[in-house]
Amino acid sequence: MPQDHEERIEQLEIDLAHAGRTIEELNGVVVEQGKQIDRLTRLLDKMTDQVEELAEQVLPSHHVEKPPHY
């Protein structure tokens, strides 16, 4: 193989290794963001329930209904 081809293949291998590492790093970020979204969703649900309970205590005749898409 001519020298130019060997250099190109070597550079492609280096680029592939960097791309693989970047993909792994990005995957880690996505996994952590997914966990954070799950935690925030649970917290939001809990806070929503608390607000509904408070609204029912303050305004007992007022019934809080969730929108139809819930």
N, C-alpha and C. Protein backbone atom coordinates (compact mmCIF):
# COMPACT_ATOMS: atom_id res chain seq x y z
N MET A 1 0.84 -1.17 0.00
CA MET A 1 0.00 0.00 0.00
C MET A 1 0.89 1.24 0.00
N PRO A 2 0.57 2.17 -0.80
CA PRO A 2 1.39 3.40 -0.78
C PRO A 2 1.26 4.11 0.57
N GLN A 3 2.24 4.90 0.88
CA GLN A 3 2.31 5.61 2.16
C GLN A 3 1.07 6.47 2.40
N ASP A 4 0.60 7.11 1.35
CA ASP A 4 -0.57 7.99 1.47
C ASP A 4 -1.79 7.21 1.96
N HIS A 5 -2.00 6.02 1.46
CA HIS A 5 -3.13 5.20 1.87
C HIS A 5 -3.01 4.78 3.33
N GLU A 6 -1.82 4.43 3.74
CA GLU A 6 -1.60 4.03 5.13
C GLU A 6 -1.89 5.19 6.08
N GLU A 7 -1.43 6.37 5.70
CA GLU A 7 -1.69 7.55 6.53
C GLU A 7 -3.18 7.85 6.61
N ARG A 8 -3.87 7.71 5.49
CA ARG A 8 -5.32 7.96 5.47
C ARG A 8 -6.05 6.95 6.33
N ILE A 9 -5.66 5.68 6.25
CA ILE A 9 -6.30 4.65 7.06
C ILE A 9 -6.02 4.91 8.54
N GLU A 10 -4.80 5.26 8.87
CA GLU A 10 -4.45 5.56 10.25
C GLU A 10 -5.27 6.74 10.77
N GLN A 11 -5.41 7.78 9.95
CA GLN A 11 -6.19 8.95 10.36
C GLN A 11 -7.67 8.57 10.54
N LEU A 12 -8.18 7.72 9.67
CA LEU A 12 -9.57 7.26 9.81
C LEU A 12 -9.75 6.47 11.10
N GLU A 13 -8.78 5.65 11.45
CA GLU A 13 -8.86 4.88 12.69
C GLU A 13 -8.84 5.81 13.91
N ILE A 14 -8.00 6.83 13.84
CA ILE A 14 -7.93 7.81 14.94
C ILE A 14 -9.27 8.54 15.05
N ASP A 15 -9.79 8.99 13.92
CA ASP A 15 -11.08 9.70 13.92
C ASP A 15 -12.20 8.81 14.44
N LEU A 16 -12.19 7.54 14.07
CA LEU A 16 -13.21 6.61 14.54
C LEU A 16 -13.11 6.42 16.05
N ALA A 17 -11.90 6.33 16.57
CA ALA A 17 -11.72 6.18 18.02
C ALA A 17 -12.24 7.41 18.75
N HIS A 18 -11.96 8.59 18.23
CA HIS A 18 -12.45 9.83 18.84
C HIS A 18 -13.98 9.89 18.78
N ALA A 19 -14.54 9.50 17.64
CA ALA A 19 -15.99 9.49 17.49
C ALA A 19 -16.63 8.51 18.47
N GLY A 20 -16.03 7.35 18.63
CA GLY A 20 -16.55 6.36 19.57
C GLY A 20 -16.55 6.89 20.99
N ARG A 21 -15.46 7.56 21.38
CA ARG A 21 -15.38 8.13 22.73
C ARG A 21 -16.42 9.23 22.90
N THR A 22 -16.59 10.05 21.89
CA THR A 22 -17.59 11.12 21.96
C THR A 22 -19.00 10.55 22.10
N ILE A 23 -19.29 9.49 21.36
CA ILE A 23 -20.61 8.84 21.45
C ILE A 23 -20.83 8.30 22.86
N GLU A 24 -19.82 7.68 23.45
CA GLU A 24 -19.95 7.16 24.81
C GLU A 24 -20.20 8.30 25.81
N GLU A 25 -19.48 9.40 25.66
CA GLU A 25 -19.66 10.55 26.55
C GLU A 25 -21.07 11.12 26.40
N LEU A 26 -21.53 11.27 25.16
CA LEU A 26 -22.87 11.80 24.92
C LEU A 26 -23.94 10.87 25.47
N ASN A 27 -23.72 9.57 25.35
CA ASN A 27 -24.66 8.61 25.89
C ASN A 27 -24.76 8.77 27.41
N GLY A 28 -23.63 8.97 28.06
CA GLY A 28 -23.63 9.20 29.51
C GLY A 28 -24.42 10.44 29.88
N VAL A 29 -24.27 11.49 29.10
CA VAL A 29 -25.01 12.72 29.34
C VAL A 29 -26.51 12.48 29.17
N VAL A 30 -26.89 11.77 28.13
CA VAL A 30 -28.30 11.48 27.87
C VAL A 30 -28.89 10.65 29.00
N VAL A 31 -28.15 9.66 29.48
CA VAL A 31 -28.63 8.82 30.58
C VAL A 31 -28.85 9.67 31.84
N GLU A 32 -27.89 10.52 32.16
CA GLU A 32 -28.01 11.38 33.35
C GLU A 32 -29.18 12.35 33.19
N GLN A 33 -29.37 12.91 32.00
CA GLN A 33 -30.49 13.82 31.79
C GLN A 33 -31.81 13.08 31.91
N GLY A 34 -31.86 11.85 31.46
CA GLY A 34 -33.07 11.04 31.61
C GLY A 34 -33.41 10.83 33.07
N LYS A 35 -32.39 10.53 33.87
CA LYS A 35 -32.60 10.35 35.32
C LYS A 35 -33.09 11.65 35.95
N GLN A 36 -32.50 12.77 35.54
CA GLN A 36 -32.90 14.06 36.09
C GLN A 36 -34.34 14.38 35.69
N ILE A 37 -34.70 14.11 34.46
CA ILE A 37 -36.08 14.34 34.01
C ILE A 37 -37.05 13.49 34.82
N ASP A 38 -36.69 12.24 35.08
CA ASP A 38 -37.55 11.37 35.89
C ASP A 38 -37.73 11.94 37.30
N ARG A 39 -36.62 12.39 37.91
CA ARG A 39 -36.72 12.97 39.26
C ARG A 39 -37.59 14.22 39.26
N LEU A 40 -37.38 15.07 38.26
CA LEU A 40 -38.17 16.30 38.19
C LEU A 40 -39.64 16.02 37.92
N THR A 41 -39.93 15.01 37.12
CA THR A 41 -41.31 14.64 36.85
C THR A 41 -41.99 14.15 38.11
N ARG A 42 -41.29 13.31 38.89
CA ARG A 42 -41.86 12.83 40.15
C ARG A 42 -42.10 14.00 41.11
N LEU A 43 -41.14 14.93 41.18
CA LEU A 43 -41.27 16.09 42.05
C LEU A 43 -42.45 16.95 41.61
N LEU A 44 -42.59 17.17 40.32
CA LEU A 44 -43.70 17.97 39.80
C LEU A 44 -45.03 17.30 40.12
N ASP A 45 -45.12 15.99 39.95
CA ASP A 45 -46.35 15.27 40.28
C ASP A 45 -46.69 15.43 41.77
N LYS A 46 -45.67 15.30 42.62
CA LYS A 46 -45.88 15.44 44.06
C LYS A 46 -46.36 16.85 44.39
N MET A 47 -45.71 17.84 43.81
CA MET A 47 -46.09 19.23 44.09
C MET A 47 -47.49 19.54 43.55
N THR A 48 -47.83 18.97 42.41
CA THR A 48 -49.16 19.17 41.85
C THR A 48 -50.21 18.59 42.78
N ASP A 49 -49.95 17.40 43.31
CA ASP A 49 -50.88 16.78 44.27
C ASP A 49 -51.02 17.66 45.52
N GLN A 50 -49.91 18.20 46.00
CA GLN A 50 -49.96 19.04 47.19
C GLN A 50 -50.78 20.31 46.94
N VAL A 51 -50.60 20.92 45.79
CA VAL A 51 -51.35 22.13 45.46
C VAL A 51 -52.84 21.80 45.36
N GLU A 52 -53.17 20.67 44.75
CA GLU A 52 -54.57 20.27 44.65
C GLU A 52 -55.18 20.03 46.03
N GLU A 53 -54.42 19.39 46.92
CA GLU A 53 -54.90 19.16 48.28
C GLU A 53 -55.13 20.48 49.00
N LEU A 54 -54.20 21.41 48.86
CA LEU A 54 -54.34 22.72 49.50
C LEU A 54 -55.55 23.46 48.94
N ALA A 55 -55.75 23.39 47.63
CA ALA A 55 -56.89 24.07 47.01
C ALA A 55 -58.19 23.48 47.53
N GLU A 56 -58.25 22.18 47.72
CA GLU A 56 -59.45 21.55 48.25
C GLU A 56 -59.70 21.92 49.71
N GLN A 57 -58.61 22.13 50.47
CA GLN A 57 -58.77 22.53 51.87
C GLN A 57 -59.24 23.98 51.97
N VAL A 58 -58.69 24.84 51.14
CA VAL A 58 -59.04 26.26 51.18
C VAL A 58 -60.41 26.49 50.57
N LEU A 59 -60.70 25.83 49.49
CA LEU A 59 -61.97 25.97 48.80
C LEU A 59 -62.64 24.60 48.71
N PRO A 60 -63.26 24.13 49.80
CA PRO A 60 -63.80 22.77 49.81
C PRO A 60 -64.87 22.53 48.73
N SER A 61 -65.58 23.56 48.35
CA SER A 61 -66.61 23.36 47.33
C SER A 61 -66.02 23.35 45.92
N HIS A 62 -64.78 23.77 45.81
CA HIS A 62 -64.13 23.82 44.50
C HIS A 62 -63.43 22.49 44.25
N HIS A 63 -63.87 21.80 43.22
CA HIS A 63 -63.26 20.51 42.88
C HIS A 63 -62.29 20.72 41.72
N VAL A 64 -61.04 20.32 41.92
CA VAL A 64 -60.01 20.47 40.90
C VAL A 64 -60.05 19.24 40.00
N GLU A 65 -60.29 19.47 38.75
CA GLU A 65 -60.33 18.36 37.80
C GLU A 65 -59.13 18.43 36.88
N LYS A 66 -58.57 17.28 36.62
CA LYS A 66 -57.46 17.23 35.67
C LYS A 66 -58.00 17.34 34.26
N PRO A 67 -57.24 17.93 33.37
CA PRO A 67 -57.68 18.00 31.97
C PRO A 67 -57.87 16.60 31.40
N PRO A 68 -58.67 16.47 30.35
CA PRO A 68 -58.97 15.15 29.79
C PRO A 68 -57.76 14.35 29.32
N HIS A 69 -56.66 15.02 29.00
CA HIS A 69 -55.51 14.28 28.47
C HIS A 69 -54.70 13.60 29.56
N TYR A 70 -55.07 13.70 30.83
CA TYR A 70 -54.36 13.02 31.91
C TYR A 70 -54.90 11.65 32.15
